[in-house]
Amino acid sequence: MDRMTCGCGEERIPGILARGIAALTLTGLTVMTVTVCALGGVVWVISWWRDRGRTESEESFFDGFGRWEEEEEQDERWRAPP
């Protein structure tokens, strides 16, 4: 006996499910991306707001390289016998 179908579009169900899963995946990725951007913005604003009251400039990591060389030269001068 042949398969009986009701003619209500059962053959379209796999395509609908595939599109629904793809839509859910893309929606999830979009929501996560927007959330990360929003949290990053909040953290940036909080750090900016906290640091805006400081008038002294903080020393950068790269600021010390020139001074280290000068200190080494001074150390060598002190260590060198007269």
PDB file of N, CA and C in Angstrom:
ATOM      1  N   MET A   1       0.833  -1.171   0.000  1.00  0.00           N
ATOM      2  CA  MET A   1       0.000   0.000   0.000  1.00  0.00           C
ATOM      3  C   MET A   1       0.886   1.245   0.000  1.00  0.00           C
ATOM      4  N   ASP A   2       0.495   2.225  -0.736  1.00  0.00           N
ATOM      5  CA  ASP A   2       1.264   3.464  -0.825  1.00  0.00           C
ATOM      6  C   ASP A   2       1.138   4.278   0.457  1.00  0.00           C
ATOM      7  N   ARG A   3       2.174   5.105   0.637  1.00  0.00           N
ATOM      8  CA  ARG A   3       2.145   5.988   1.789  1.00  0.00           C
ATOM      9  C   ARG A   3       1.047   7.013   1.620  1.00  0.00           C
ATOM     10  N   MET A   4       0.313   7.207   2.660  1.00  0.00           N
ATOM     11  CA  MET A   4      -0.774   8.171   2.587  1.00  0.00           C
ATOM     12  C   MET A   4      -0.299   9.483   3.216  1.00  0.00           C
ATOM     13  N   THR A   5      -0.505  10.527   2.537  1.00  0.00           N
ATOM     14  CA  THR A   5      -0.177  11.840   3.090  1.00  0.00           C
ATOM     15  C   THR A   5      -1.437  12.660   3.158  1.00  0.00           C
ATOM     16  N   CYS A   6      -1.446  13.539   4.090  1.00  0.00           N
ATOM     17  CA  CYS A   6      -2.646  14.350   4.257  1.00  0.00           C
ATOM     18  C   CYS A   6      -2.648  15.571   3.350  1.00  0.00           C
ATOM     19  N   GLY A   7      -1.533  15.827   2.679  1.00  0.00           N
ATOM     20  CA  GLY A   7      -1.479  16.975   1.789  1.00  0.00           C
ATOM     21  C   GLY A   7      -1.347  18.303   2.509  1.00  0.00           C
ATOM     22  N   CYS A   8      -0.848  18.250   3.743  1.00  0.00           N
ATOM     23  CA  CYS A   8      -0.735  19.497   4.504  1.00  0.00           C
ATOM     24  C   CYS A   8       0.685  20.026   4.523  1.00  0.00           C
ATOM     25  N   GLY A   9       1.557  19.556   3.675  1.00  0.00           N
ATOM     26  CA  GLY A   9       2.899  20.097   3.582  1.00  0.00           C
ATOM     27  C   GLY A   9       3.923  19.405   4.442  1.00  0.00           C
ATOM     28  N   GLU A  10       3.723  18.107   4.712  1.00  0.00           N
ATOM     29  CA  GLU A  10       4.683  17.375   5.539  1.00  0.00           C
ATOM     30  C   GLU A  10       6.075  17.341   4.924  1.00  0.00           C
ATOM     31  N   GLU A  11       6.143  17.384   3.614  1.00  0.00           N
ATOM     32  CA  GLU A  11       7.448  17.321   2.952  1.00  0.00           C
ATOM     33  C   GLU A  11       8.257  18.594   3.177  1.00  0.00           C
ATOM     34  N   ARG A  12       7.627  19.658   3.601  1.00  0.00           N
ATOM     35  CA  ARG A  12       8.332  20.908   3.837  1.00  0.00           C
ATOM     36  C   ARG A  12       8.859  21.036   5.252  1.00  0.00           C
ATOM     37  N   ILE A  13       8.520  20.119   6.135  1.00  0.00           N
ATOM     38  CA  ILE A  13       8.910  20.213   7.545  1.00  0.00           C
ATOM     39  C   ILE A  13      10.431  20.228   7.728  1.00  0.00           C
ATOM     40  N   PRO A  14      11.217  19.346   7.076  1.00  0.00           N
ATOM     41  CA  PRO A  14      12.678  19.409   7.280  1.00  0.00           C
ATOM     42  C   PRO A  14      13.286  20.762   6.887  1.00  0.00           C
ATOM     43  N   GLY A  15      12.811  21.362   5.825  1.00  0.00           N
ATOM     44  CA  GLY A  15      13.325  22.672   5.407  1.00  0.00           C
ATOM     45  C   GLY A  15      12.971  23.754   6.408  1.00  0.00           C
ATOM     46  N   ILE A  16      11.770  23.684   6.924  1.00  0.00           N
ATOM     47  CA  ILE A  16      11.346  24.668   7.924  1.00  0.00           C
ATOM     48  C   ILE A  16      12.183  24.522   9.188  1.00  0.00           C
ATOM     49  N   LEU A  17      12.430  23.275   9.608  1.00  0.00           N
ATOM     50  CA  LEU A  17      13.261  23.053  10.794  1.00  0.00           C
ATOM     51  C   LEU A  17      14.678  23.552  10.579  1.00  0.00           C
ATOM     52  N   ALA A  18      15.232  23.287   9.396  1.00  0.00           N
ATOM     53  CA  ALA A  18      16.600  23.730   9.111  1.00  0.00           C
ATOM     54  C   ALA A  18      16.688  25.256   9.140  1.00  0.00           C
ATOM     55  N   ARG A  19      15.703  25.927   8.550  1.00  0.00           N
ATOM     56  CA  ARG A  19      15.713  27.392   8.563  1.00  0.00           C
ATOM     57  C   ARG A  19      15.519  27.916   9.983  1.00  0.00           C
ATOM     58  N   GLY A  20      14.690  27.251  10.765  1.00  0.00           N
ATOM     59  CA  GLY A  20      14.473  27.673  12.150  1.00  0.00           C
ATOM     60  C   GLY A  20      15.719  27.521  12.992  1.00  0.00           C
ATOM     61  N   ILE A  21      16.436  26.413  12.813  1.00  0.00           N
ATOM     62  CA  ILE A  21      17.683  26.201  13.565  1.00  0.00           C
ATOM     63  C   ILE A  21      18.729  27.228  13.144  1.00  0.00           C
ATOM     64  N   ALA A  22      18.822  27.500  11.845  1.00  0.00           N
ATOM     65  CA  ALA A  22      19.775  28.507  11.371  1.00  0.00           C
ATOM     66  C   ALA A  22      19.423  29.883  11.935  1.00  0.00           C
ATOM     67  N   ALA A  23      18.135  30.196  11.955  1.00  0.00           N
ATOM     68  CA  ALA A  23      17.714  31.494  12.488  1.00  0.00           C
ATOM     69  C   ALA A  23      18.021  31.596  13.978  1.00  0.00           C
ATOM     70  N   LEU A  24      17.766  30.537  14.722  1.00  0.00           N
ATOM     71  CA  LEU A  24      18.076  30.558  16.156  1.00  0.00           C
ATOM     72  C   LEU A  24      19.568  30.712  16.398  1.00  0.00           C
ATOM     73  N   THR A  25      20.384  30.030  15.608  1.00  0.00           N
ATOM     74  CA  THR A  25      21.834  30.124  15.752  1.00  0.00           C
ATOM     75  C   THR A  25      22.314  31.549  15.477  1.00  0.00           C
ATOM     76  N   LEU A  26      21.864  32.126  14.382  1.00  0.00           N
ATOM     77  CA  LEU A  26      22.279  33.490  14.048  1.00  0.00           C
ATOM     78  C   LEU A  26      21.770  34.497  15.071  1.00  0.00           C
ATOM     79  N   THR A  27      20.557  34.293  15.555  1.00  0.00           N
ATOM     80  CA  THR A  27      20.016  35.187  16.584  1.00  0.00           C
ATOM     81  C   THR A  27      20.838  35.089  17.868  1.00  0.00           C
ATOM     82  N   GLY A  28      21.206  33.872  18.251  1.00  0.00           N
ATOM     83  CA  GLY A  28      22.030  33.687  19.449  1.00  0.00           C
ATOM     84  C   GLY A  28      23.382  34.355  19.318  1.00  0.00           C
ATOM     85  N   LEU A  29      24.024  34.183  18.173  1.00  0.00           N
ATOM     86  CA  LEU A  29      25.326  34.820  17.954  1.00  0.00           C
ATOM     87  C   LEU A  29      25.204  36.344  17.974  1.00  0.00           C
ATOM     88  N   THR A  30      24.140  36.867  17.388  1.00  0.00           N
ATOM     89  CA  THR A  30      23.930  38.307  17.372  1.00  0.00           C
ATOM     90  C   THR A  30      23.713  38.839  18.788  1.00  0.00           C
ATOM     91  N   VAL A  31      22.894  38.151  19.558  1.00  0.00           N
ATOM     92  CA  VAL A  31      22.631  38.585  20.939  1.00  0.00           C
ATOM     93  C   VAL A  31      23.916  38.545  21.760  1.00  0.00           C
ATOM     94  N   MET A  32      24.720  37.487  21.582  1.00  0.00           N
ATOM     95  CA  MET A  32      25.980  37.408  22.336  1.00  0.00           C
ATOM     96  C   MET A  32      26.939  38.520  21.930  1.00  0.00           C
ATOM     97  N   THR A  33      27.018  38.831  20.639  1.00  0.00           N
ATOM     98  CA  THR A  33      27.909  39.890  20.170  1.00  0.00           C
ATOM     99  C   THR A  33      27.493  41.245  20.729  1.00  0.00           C
ATOM    100  N   VAL A  34      26.213  41.535  20.678  1.00  0.00           N
ATOM    101  CA  VAL A  34      25.715  42.806  21.202  1.00  0.00           C
ATOM    102  C   VAL A  34      25.947  42.888  22.705  1.00  0.00           C
ATOM    103  N   THR A  35      25.765  41.773  23.408  1.00  0.00           N
ATOM    104  CA  THR A  35      25.984  41.761  24.849  1.00  0.00           C
ATOM    105  C   THR A  35      27.446  42.036  25.181  1.00  0.00           C
ATOM    106  N   VAL A  36      28.358  41.410  24.454  1.00  0.00           N
ATOM    107  CA  VAL A  36      29.789  41.635  24.701  1.00  0.00           C
ATOM    108  C   VAL A  36      30.149  43.095  24.429  1.00  0.00           C
ATOM    109  N   CYS A  37      29.636  43.660  23.357  1.00  0.00           N
ATOM    110  CA  CYS A  37      29.916  45.069  23.051  1.00  0.00           C
ATOM    111  C   CYS A  37      29.368  45.979  24.139  1.00  0.00           C
ATOM    112  N   ALA A  38      28.160  45.692  24.606  1.00  0.00           N
ATOM    113  CA  ALA A  38      27.562  46.520  25.656  1.00  0.00           C
ATOM    114  C   ALA A  38      28.358  46.409  26.954  1.00  0.00           C
ATOM    115  N   LEU A  39      28.756  45.204  27.334  1.00  0.00           N
ATOM    116  CA  LEU A  39      29.542  45.035  28.559  1.00  0.00           C
ATOM    117  C   LEU A  39      30.903  45.712  28.435  1.00  0.00           C
ATOM    118  N   GLY A  40      31.524  45.599  27.259  1.00  0.00           N
ATOM    119  CA  GLY A  40      32.796  46.289  27.048  1.00  0.00           C
ATOM    120  C   GLY A  40      32.649  47.791  27.158  1.00  0.00           C
ATOM    121  N   GLY A  41      31.565  48.328  26.621  1.00  0.00           N
ATOM    122  CA  GLY A  41      31.318  49.757  26.736  1.00  0.00           C
ATOM    123  C   GLY A  41      31.095  50.189  28.171  1.00  0.00           C
ATOM    124  N   VAL A  42      30.366  49.384  28.930  1.00  0.00           N
ATOM    125  CA  VAL A  42      30.121  49.703  30.340  1.00  0.00           C
ATOM    126  C   VAL A  42      31.426  49.693  31.121  1.00  0.00           C
ATOM    127  N   VAL A  43      32.277  48.697  30.875  1.00  0.00           N
ATOM    128  CA  VAL A  43      33.562  48.621  31.575  1.00  0.00           C
ATOM    129  C   VAL A  43      34.430  49.819  31.200  1.00  0.00           C
ATOM    130  N   TRP A  44      34.425  50.198  29.920  1.00  0.00           N
ATOM    131  CA  TRP A  44      35.222  51.346  29.489  1.00  0.00           C
ATOM    132  C   TRP A  44      34.732  52.624  30.163  1.00  0.00           C
ATOM    133  N   VAL A  45      33.414  52.820  30.218  1.00  0.00           N
ATOM    134  CA  VAL A  45      32.863  54.027  30.835  1.00  0.00           C
ATOM    135  C   VAL A  45      33.200  54.063  32.319  1.00  0.00           C
ATOM    136  N   ILE A  46      33.090  52.929  32.991  1.00  0.00           N
ATOM    137  CA  ILE A  46      33.410  52.896  34.423  1.00  0.00           C
ATOM    138  C   ILE A  46      34.881  53.209  34.650  1.00  0.00           C
ATOM    139  N   SER A  47      35.768  52.624  33.851  1.00  0.00           N
ATOM    140  CA  SER A  47      37.197  52.899  34.030  1.00  0.00           C
ATOM    141  C   SER A  47      37.518  54.356  33.681  1.00  0.00           C
ATOM    142  N   TRP A  48      36.882  54.890  32.655  1.00  0.00           N
ATOM    143  CA  TRP A  48      37.102  56.293  32.293  1.00  0.00           C
ATOM    144  C   TRP A  48      36.608  57.194  33.415  1.00  0.00           C
ATOM    145  N   TRP A  49      35.446  56.902  33.964  1.00  0.00           N
ATOM    146  CA  TRP A  49      34.875  57.724  35.016  1.00  0.00           C
ATOM    147  C   TRP A  49      35.731  57.676  36.274  1.00  0.00           C
ATOM    148  N   ARG A  50      36.273  56.488  36.585  1.00  0.00           N
ATOM    149  CA  ARG A  50      37.116  56.354  37.767  1.00  0.00           C
ATOM    150  C   ARG A  50      38.426  57.105  37.611  1.00  0.00           C
ATOM    151  N   ASP A  51      38.994  57.088  36.401  1.00  0.00           N
ATOM    152  CA  ASP A  51      40.312  57.683  36.180  1.00  0.00           C
ATOM    153  C   ASP A  51      40.265  59.159  35.820  1.00  0.00           C
ATOM    154  N   ARG A  52      39.101  59.725  35.577  1.00  0.00           N
ATOM    155  CA  ARG A  52      39.051  61.124  35.136  1.00  0.00           C
ATOM    156  C   ARG A  52      39.450  62.087  36.239  1.00  0.00           C
ATOM    157  N   GLY A  53      39.348  61.686  37.505  1.00  0.00           N
ATOM    158  CA  GLY A  53      39.710  62.555  38.607  1.00  0.00           C
ATOM    159  C   GLY A  53      41.201  62.602  38.878  1.00  0.00           C
ATOM    160  N   ARG A  54      41.938  61.696  38.322  1.00  0.00           N
ATOM    161  CA  ARG A  54      43.384  61.668  38.556  1.00  0.00           C
ATOM    162  C   ARG A  54      44.070  62.696  37.683  1.00  0.00           C
ATOM    163  N   THR A  55      44.857  63.548  38.312  1.00  0.00           N
ATOM    164  CA  THR A  55      45.566  64.569  37.540  1.00  0.00           C
ATOM    165  C   THR A  55      46.982  64.117  37.207  1.00  0.00           C
ATOM    166  N   GLU A  56      47.535  63.233  38.004  1.00  0.00           N
ATOM    167  CA  GLU A  56      48.891  62.769  37.741  1.00  0.00           C
ATOM    168  C   GLU A  56      48.857  61.733  36.629  1.00  0.00           C
ATOM    169  N   SER A  57      49.849  61.807  35.779  1.00  0.00           N
ATOM    170  CA  SER A  57      49.893  60.835  34.688  1.00  0.00           C
ATOM    171  C   SER A  57      50.576  59.568  35.176  1.00  0.00           C
ATOM    172  N   GLU A  58      49.976  58.464  34.795  1.00  0.00           N
ATOM    173  CA  GLU A  58      50.561  57.197  35.203  1.00  0.00           C
ATOM    174  C   GLU A  58      51.715  56.849  34.272  1.00  0.00           C
ATOM    175  N   GLU A  59      52.675  56.164  34.812  1.00  0.00           N
ATOM    176  CA  GLU A  59      53.839  55.793  34.031  1.00  0.00           C
ATOM    177  C   GLU A  59      53.505  54.595  33.157  1.00  0.00           C
ATOM    178  N   SER A  60      53.868  54.686  31.917  1.00  0.00           N
ATOM    179  CA  SER A  60      53.623  53.595  30.986  1.00  0.00           C
ATOM    180  C   SER A  60      54.680  52.524  31.181  1.00  0.00           C
ATOM    181  N   PHE A  61      54.367  51.333  30.750  1.00  0.00           N
ATOM    182  CA  PHE A  61      55.321  50.229  30.816  1.00  0.00           C
ATOM    183  C   PHE A  61      56.558  50.549  29.991  1.00  0.00           C
ATOM    184  N   PHE A  62      56.365  51.231  28.863  1.00  0.00           N
ATOM    185  CA  PHE A  62      57.474  51.495  27.962  1.00  0.00           C
ATOM    186  C   PHE A  62      58.287  52.726  28.357  1.00  0.00           C
ATOM    187  N   ASP A  63      57.843  53.492  29.339  1.00  0.00           N
ATOM    188  CA  ASP A  63      58.571  54.675  29.766  1.00  0.00           C
ATOM    189  C   ASP A  63      59.897  54.332  30.440  1.00  0.00           C
ATOM    190  N   GLY A  64      60.008  53.173  31.015  1.00  0.00           N
ATOM    191  CA  GLY A  64      61.183  52.841  31.801  1.00  0.00           C
ATOM    192  C   GLY A  64      62.377  52.385  31.005  1.00  0.00           C
ATOM    193  N   PHE A  65      62.225  52.086  29.727  1.00  0.00           N
ATOM    194  CA  PHE A  65      63.347  51.525  28.977  1.00  0.00           C
ATOM    195  C   PHE A  65      64.517  52.485  28.898  1.00  0.00           C
ATOM    196  N   GLY A  66      64.277  53.756  28.622  1.00  0.00           N
ATOM    197  CA  GLY A  66      65.371  54.726  28.543  1.00  0.00           C
ATOM    198  C   GLY A  66      66.060  54.910  29.882  1.00  0.00           C
ATOM    199  N   ARG A  67      65.273  54.930  30.950  1.00  0.00           N
ATOM    200  CA  ARG A  67      65.857  55.118  32.272  1.00  0.00           C
ATOM    201  C   ARG A  67      66.672  53.902  32.695  1.00  0.00           C
ATOM    202  N   TRP A  68      66.242  52.712  32.321  1.00  0.00           N
ATOM    203  CA  TRP A  68      67.015  51.518  32.684  1.00  0.00           C
ATOM    204  C   TRP A  68      68.396  51.566  32.059  1.00  0.00           C
ATOM    205  N   GLU A  69      68.456  52.034  30.813  1.00  0.00           N
ATOM    206  CA  GLU A  69      69.751  52.134  30.158  1.00  0.00           C
ATOM    207  C   GLU A  69      70.619  53.176  30.860  1.00  0.00           C
ATOM    208  N   GLU A  70      70.028  54.303  31.253  1.00  0.00           N
ATOM    209  CA  GLU A  70      70.778  55.331  31.961  1.00  0.00           C
ATOM    210  C   GLU A  70      71.260  54.813  33.312  1.00  0.00           C
ATOM    211  N   GLU A  71      70.415  54.060  34.003  1.00  0.00           N
ATOM    212  CA  GLU A  71      70.811  53.514  35.298  1.00  0.00           C
ATOM    213  C   GLU A  71      71.948  52.513  35.147  1.00  0.00           C
ATOM    214  N   GLU A  72      71.906  51.714  34.086  1.00  0.00           N
ATOM    215  CA  GLU A  72      72.985  50.758  33.857  1.00  0.00           C
ATOM    216  C   GLU A  72      74.297  51.486  33.585  1.00  0.00           C
ATOM    217  N   GLU A  73      74.221  52.563  32.797  1.00  0.00           N
ATOM    218  CA  GLU A  73      75.435  53.330  32.519  1.00  0.00           C
ATOM    219  C   GLU A  73      75.981  53.950  33.803  1.00  0.00           C
ATOM    220  N   GLN A  74      75.117  54.466  34.667  1.00  0.00           N
ATOM    221  CA  GLN A  74      75.568  55.043  35.930  1.00  0.00           C
ATOM    222  C   GLN A  74      76.160  53.964  36.827  1.00  0.00           C
ATOM    223  N   ASP A  75      75.558  52.794  36.843  1.00  0.00           N
ATOM    224  CA  ASP A  75      76.091  51.688  37.650  1.00  0.00           C
ATOM    225  C   ASP A  75      77.482  51.289  37.163  1.00  0.00           C
ATOM    226  N   GLU A  76      77.649  51.265  35.844  1.00  0.00           N
ATOM    227  CA  GLU A  76      78.967  50.905  35.291  1.00  0.00           C
ATOM    228  C   GLU A  76      80.006  51.954  35.658  1.00  0.00           C
ATOM    229  N   ARG A  77      79.612  53.227  35.670  1.00  0.00           N
ATOM    230  CA  ARG A  77      80.549  54.280  36.043  1.00  0.00           C
ATOM    231  C   ARG A  77      80.951  54.158  37.493  1.00  0.00           C
ATOM    232  N   TRP A  78      80.012  53.785  38.355  1.00  0.00           N
ATOM    233  CA  TRP A  78      80.329  53.637  39.776  1.00  0.00           C
ATOM    234  C   TRP A  78      81.184  52.403  40.020  1.00  0.00           C
ATOM    235  N   ARG A  79      80.979  51.387  39.229  1.00  0.00           N
ATOM    236  CA  ARG A  79      81.731  50.142  39.431  1.00  0.00           C
ATOM    237  C   ARG A  79      83.152  50.209  38.844  1.00  0.00           C
ATOM    238  N   ALA A  80      83.318  51.073  37.855  1.00  0.00           N
ATOM    239  CA  ALA A  80      84.613  51.137  37.194  1.00  0.00           C
ATOM    240  C   ALA A  80      85.664  51.697  38.155  1.00  0.00           C
ATOM    241  N   PRO A  81      86.823  51.072  38.184  1.00  0.00           N
ATOM    242  CA  PRO A  81      87.876  51.600  39.057  1.00  0.00           C
ATOM    243  C   PRO A  81      88.408  52.917  38.515  1.00  0.00           C
ATOM    244  N   PRO A  82      88.772  53.818  39.394  1.00  0.00           N
ATOM    245  CA  PRO A  82      89.266  55.131  38.956  1.00  0.00           C
ATOM    246  C   PRO A  82      90.628  55.064  38.313  1.00  0.00           C
TER     247      PRO A  82
END
